C-alpha atoms as a PDB file:
ATOM      1  CA  MET A   1       0.000   0.000   0.000  1.00  0.00           C
ATOM      2  CA  ASN A   2       2.914   2.364   0.688  1.00  0.00           C
ATOM      3  CA  LYS A   3       4.094   2.317  -2.928  1.00  0.00           C
ATOM      4  CA  TYR A   4       0.590   3.228  -4.130  1.00  0.00           C
ATOM      5  CA  ILE A   5       0.462   6.127  -1.691  1.00  0.00           C
ATOM      6  CA  LEU A   6       3.770   7.469  -2.964  1.00  0.00           C
ATOM      7  CA  ILE A   7       2.757   7.084  -6.612  1.00  0.00           C
ATOM      8  CA  LEU A   8      -0.614   8.763  -6.008  1.00  0.00           C
ATOM      9  CA  PHE A   9       1.042  11.578  -4.063  1.00  0.00           C
ATOM     10  CA  ILE A  10       3.441  12.292  -6.938  1.00  0.00           C
ATOM     11  CA  LEU A  11       0.598  12.050  -9.480  1.00  0.00           C
ATOM     12  CA  THR A  12      -1.563  14.384  -7.395  1.00  0.00           C
ATOM     13  CA  VAL A  13       1.163  17.000  -7.029  1.00  0.00           C
ATOM     14  CA  VAL A  14       2.147  16.947 -10.706  1.00  0.00           C
ATOM     15  CA  THR A  15      -1.401  17.007 -12.082  1.00  0.00           C
ATOM     16  CA  GLY A  16      -2.390  19.690  -9.578  1.00  0.00           C
ATOM     17  CA  LEU A  17       0.482  21.932 -10.593  1.00  0.00           C
ATOM     18  CA  VAL A  18       0.009  21.390 -14.322  1.00  0.00           C
ATOM     19  CA  GLY A  19      -3.792  21.484 -14.319  1.00  0.00           C
ATOM     20  CA  PHE A  20      -4.232  24.594 -12.214  1.00  0.00           C
ATOM     21  CA  THR A  21      -1.228  26.623 -13.354  1.00  0.00           C
ATOM     22  CA  PHE A  22      -1.346  26.288 -17.128  1.00  0.00           C
ATOM     23  CA  GLU A  23      -4.356  26.901 -19.328  1.00  0.00           C
ATOM     24  CA  PHE A  24      -4.496  24.595 -22.342  1.00  0.00           C
ATOM     25  CA  THR A  25      -6.956  22.351 -24.183  1.00  0.00           C
ATOM     26  CA  GLY A  26      -6.573  19.293 -21.954  1.00  0.00           C
ATOM     27  CA  SER A  27      -6.471  21.128 -18.639  1.00  0.00           C
ATOM     28  CA  THR A  28      -9.969  19.881 -17.741  1.00  0.00           C
ATOM     29  CA  ALA A  29      -8.870  16.252 -18.086  1.00  0.00           C
ATOM     30  CA  VAL A  30      -5.771  16.950 -15.996  1.00  0.00           C
ATOM     31  CA  ARG A  31      -7.886  18.601 -13.299  1.00  0.00           C
ATOM     32  CA  ILE A  32     -10.265  15.634 -13.203  1.00  0.00           C
ATOM     33  CA  THR A  33      -7.263  13.304 -12.909  1.00  0.00           C
ATOM     34  CA  PHE A  34      -6.040  15.437 -10.032  1.00  0.00           C
ATOM     35  CA  LEU A  35      -9.378  15.197  -8.220  1.00  0.00           C
ATOM     36  CA  VAL A  36      -9.645  11.426  -8.676  1.00  0.00           C
ATOM     37  CA  ALA A  37      -6.032  10.847  -7.568  1.00  0.00           C
ATOM     38  CA  ALA A  38      -6.476  13.121  -4.544  1.00  0.00           C
ATOM     39  CA  ASP A  39      -9.658  11.293  -3.509  1.00  0.00           C
ATOM     40  CA  ILE A  40      -8.011   7.880  -3.774  1.00  0.00           C
ATOM     41  CA  LEU A  41      -4.969   9.167  -1.875  1.00  0.00           C
ATOM     42  CA  VAL A  42      -7.127  10.436   0.986  1.00  0.00           C
ATOM     43  CA  ILE A  43      -9.016   7.135   1.138  1.00  0.00           C
ATOM     44  CA  LEU A  44      -5.766   5.148   1.274  1.00  0.00           C
ATOM     45  CA  LEU A  45      -4.352   7.401   3.995  1.00  0.00           C
ATOM     46  CA  PHE A  46      -7.512   7.101   6.102  1.00  0.00           C
ATOM     47  CA  GLY A  47      -7.487   3.344   5.604  1.00  0.00           C
ATOM     48  CA  LYS A  48      -3.901   3.150   6.751  1.00  0.00           C
ATOM     49  CA  LEU A  49      -4.696   5.281   9.773  1.00  0.00           C
ATOM     50  CA  LEU A  50      -7.880   3.471  10.812  1.00  0.00           C
ATOM     51  CA  PHE A  51      -7.156  -0.176   9.996  1.00  0.00           C
ATOM     52  CA  TRP A  52      -3.932  -1.509  11.462  1.00  0.00           C
ATOM     53  CA  THR A  53      -2.525  -4.862  10.468  1.00  0.00           C
ATOM     54  CA  GLN A  54      -1.167  -7.403  12.922  1.00  0.00           C
ATOM     55  CA  LYS A  55       2.365  -6.387  11.961  1.00  0.00           C
ATOM     56  CA  THR A  56       1.800  -2.745  12.898  1.00  0.00           C
ATOM     57  CA  LYS A  57       0.033  -3.723  16.126  1.00  0.00           C
ATOM     58  CA  LYS A  58       3.056  -5.802  17.145  1.00  0.00           C
ATOM     59  CA  ALA A  59       5.415  -2.971  16.248  1.00  0.00           C
ATOM     60  CA  ARG A  60       3.412  -0.472  18.316  1.00  0.00           C
ATOM     61  CA  LYS A  61       3.300  -2.858  21.274  1.00  0.00           C
ATOM     62  CA  LEU A  62       7.054  -3.436  21.054  1.00  0.00           C
ATOM     63  CA  ARG A  63       7.699   0.319  20.882  1.00  0.00           C
ATOM     64  CA  ARG A  64       5.564   0.931  23.966  1.00  0.00           C
ATOM     65  CA  GLN A  65       7.377  -1.800  25.865  1.00  0.00           C
ATOM     66  CA  THR A  66      10.782  -0.355  25.018  1.00  0.00           C
ATOM     67  CA  GLN A  67       9.654   3.145  26.000  1.00  0.00           C
ATOM     68  CA  VAL A  68       8.402   1.905  29.366  1.00  0.00           C
ATOM     69  CA  ALA A  69      11.614  -0.056  29.931  1.00  0.00           C
ATOM     70  CA  THR A  70      13.828   2.966  29.211  1.00  0.00           C
ATOM     71  CA  ASN A  71      11.828   5.306  31.470  1.00  0.00           C
END
């Protein structure tokens, strides 16, 4: 999922800059691409924030244990 987030972030930034800075024939299509990519990016980021996998739960638990042990 991380590689899709990075790709969508780059696509969103590039299409946003090109679509809203330059005025040309295909700027409407570029703006629509920007909106779709931004929507998918937000959904992926919310999904990553709200739904943790077992791997991330274990990593968070391990981090908490090491923080408690060092304090």
